[in-house]
């Protein structure tokens, strides 16, 4: 591998990590903000499982990208 290819690889990996943290942190802040507001209804057991499953699917989709 040439040095320029290594730099290109490094930039691609860095961009992917930055996108991951941007999307993941925004989604976590949004879900936490929604869950902890006073006007939101309280979650029952099934809804909590659906939210957790949705976040896991979201994480896997980001990692697969």
C-alpha atoms as a PDB file:
ATOM      1  CA  UNK A   1       0.000   0.000   0.000  1.00  0.00           C
ATOM      2  CA  UNK A   2       1.185   3.436  -0.823  1.00  0.00           C
ATOM      3  CA  UNK A   3       1.171   6.288   1.622  1.00  0.00           C
ATOM      4  CA  UNK A   4      -1.603   8.137  -0.226  1.00  0.00           C
ATOM      5  CA  UNK A   5      -3.843   5.064  -0.011  1.00  0.00           C
ATOM      6  CA  UNK A   6      -3.239   4.884   3.727  1.00  0.00           C
ATOM      7  CA  UNK A   7      -4.219   8.538   4.133  1.00  0.00           C
ATOM      8  CA  UNK A   8      -7.380   7.956   2.087  1.00  0.00           C
ATOM      9  CA  UNK A   9      -8.255   4.961   4.243  1.00  0.00           C
ATOM     10  CA  UNK A  10      -7.685   6.956   7.415  1.00  0.00           C
ATOM     11  CA  UNK A  11      -9.968   9.748   6.213  1.00  0.00           C
ATOM     12  CA  UNK A  12     -12.721   7.310   5.249  1.00  0.00           C
ATOM     13  CA  UNK A  13     -12.586   5.640   8.657  1.00  0.00           C
ATOM     14  CA  UNK A  14     -12.573   9.007  10.410  1.00  0.00           C
ATOM     15  CA  UNK A  15     -15.605  10.186   8.423  1.00  0.00           C
ATOM     16  CA  UNK A  16     -17.480   6.999   9.252  1.00  0.00           C
ATOM     17  CA  UNK A  17     -16.761   7.334  12.976  1.00  0.00           C
ATOM     18  CA  UNK A  18     -17.831  10.990  12.930  1.00  0.00           C
ATOM     19  CA  UNK A  19     -21.104  10.113  11.203  1.00  0.00           C
ATOM     20  CA  UNK A  20     -21.715   7.314  13.698  1.00  0.00           C
ATOM     21  CA  UNK A  21     -21.268   9.567  16.721  1.00  0.00           C
ATOM     22  CA  UNK A  22     -23.303  12.375  15.195  1.00  0.00           C
ATOM     23  CA  UNK A  23     -26.325  10.193  14.422  1.00  0.00           C
ATOM     24  CA  UNK A  24     -26.103   8.098  17.570  1.00  0.00           C
ATOM     25  CA  UNK A  25     -25.731  11.038  19.961  1.00  0.00           C
ATOM     26  CA  UNK A  26     -28.597  12.940  18.324  1.00  0.00           C
ATOM     27  CA  UNK A  27     -30.881   9.921  18.530  1.00  0.00           C
ATOM     28  CA  UNK A  28     -29.986   9.231  22.173  1.00  0.00           C
ATOM     29  CA  UNK A  29     -30.554  12.877  23.169  1.00  0.00           C
ATOM     30  CA  UNK A  30     -33.877  12.906  21.323  1.00  0.00           C
ATOM     31  CA  UNK A  31     -35.132   9.702  22.961  1.00  0.00           C
ATOM     32  CA  UNK A  32     -33.945  10.767  26.423  1.00  0.00           C
ATOM     33  CA  UNK A  33     -35.505  14.200  26.016  1.00  0.00           C
ATOM     34  CA  UNK A  34     -38.784  12.622  24.968  1.00  0.00           C
ATOM     35  CA  UNK A  35     -38.749  10.104  27.820  1.00  0.00           C
ATOM     36  CA  UNK A  36     -37.944  12.607  30.572  1.00  0.00           C
ATOM     37  CA  UNK A  37     -40.354  15.391  29.676  1.00  0.00           C
ATOM     38  CA  UNK A  38     -43.239  15.951  32.032  1.00  0.00           C
ATOM     39  CA  UNK A  39     -45.836  15.983  29.259  1.00  0.00           C
ATOM     40  CA  UNK A  40     -44.888  12.551  27.891  1.00  0.00           C
ATOM     41  CA  UNK A  41     -46.975   9.607  28.931  1.00  0.00           C
ATOM     42  CA  UNK A  42     -45.291   7.047  31.108  1.00  0.00           C
ATOM     43  CA  UNK A  43     -43.948   4.040  29.251  1.00  0.00           C
ATOM     44  CA  UNK A  44     -45.154   0.562  30.013  1.00  0.00           C
ATOM     45  CA  UNK A  45     -43.000  -2.558  29.688  1.00  0.00           C
ATOM     46  CA  UNK A  46     -43.870  -3.320  26.058  1.00  0.00           C
ATOM     47  CA  UNK A  47     -43.193   0.229  24.867  1.00  0.00           C
ATOM     48  CA  UNK A  48     -39.807   0.246  26.623  1.00  0.00           C
ATOM     49  CA  UNK A  49     -38.860  -2.956  24.819  1.00  0.00           C
ATOM     50  CA  UNK A  50     -39.921  -1.481  21.459  1.00  0.00           C
ATOM     51  CA  UNK A  51     -37.847   1.652  22.063  1.00  0.00           C
ATOM     52  CA  UNK A  52     -34.794  -0.397  23.071  1.00  0.00           C
ATOM     53  CA  UNK A  53     -35.216  -2.635  20.005  1.00  0.00           C
ATOM     54  CA  UNK A  54     -35.545   0.421  17.778  1.00  0.00           C
ATOM     55  CA  UNK A  55     -32.339   1.920  19.160  1.00  0.00           C
ATOM     56  CA  UNK A  56     -30.494  -1.360  18.650  1.00  0.00           C
ATOM     57  CA  UNK A  57     -31.711  -1.592  15.052  1.00  0.00           C
ATOM     58  CA  UNK A  58     -30.676   2.034  14.519  1.00  0.00           C
ATOM     59  CA  UNK A  59     -27.204   1.269  15.876  1.00  0.00           C
ATOM     60  CA  UNK A  60     -26.837  -1.794  13.648  1.00  0.00           C
ATOM     61  CA  UNK A  61     -27.924   0.151  10.568  1.00  0.00           C
ATOM     62  CA  UNK A  62     -25.361   2.844  11.270  1.00  0.00           C
ATOM     63  CA  UNK A  63     -22.608   0.277  11.751  1.00  0.00           C
ATOM     64  CA  UNK A  64     -23.602  -1.551   8.554  1.00  0.00           C
ATOM     65  CA  UNK A  65     -23.325   1.682   6.554  1.00  0.00           C
END
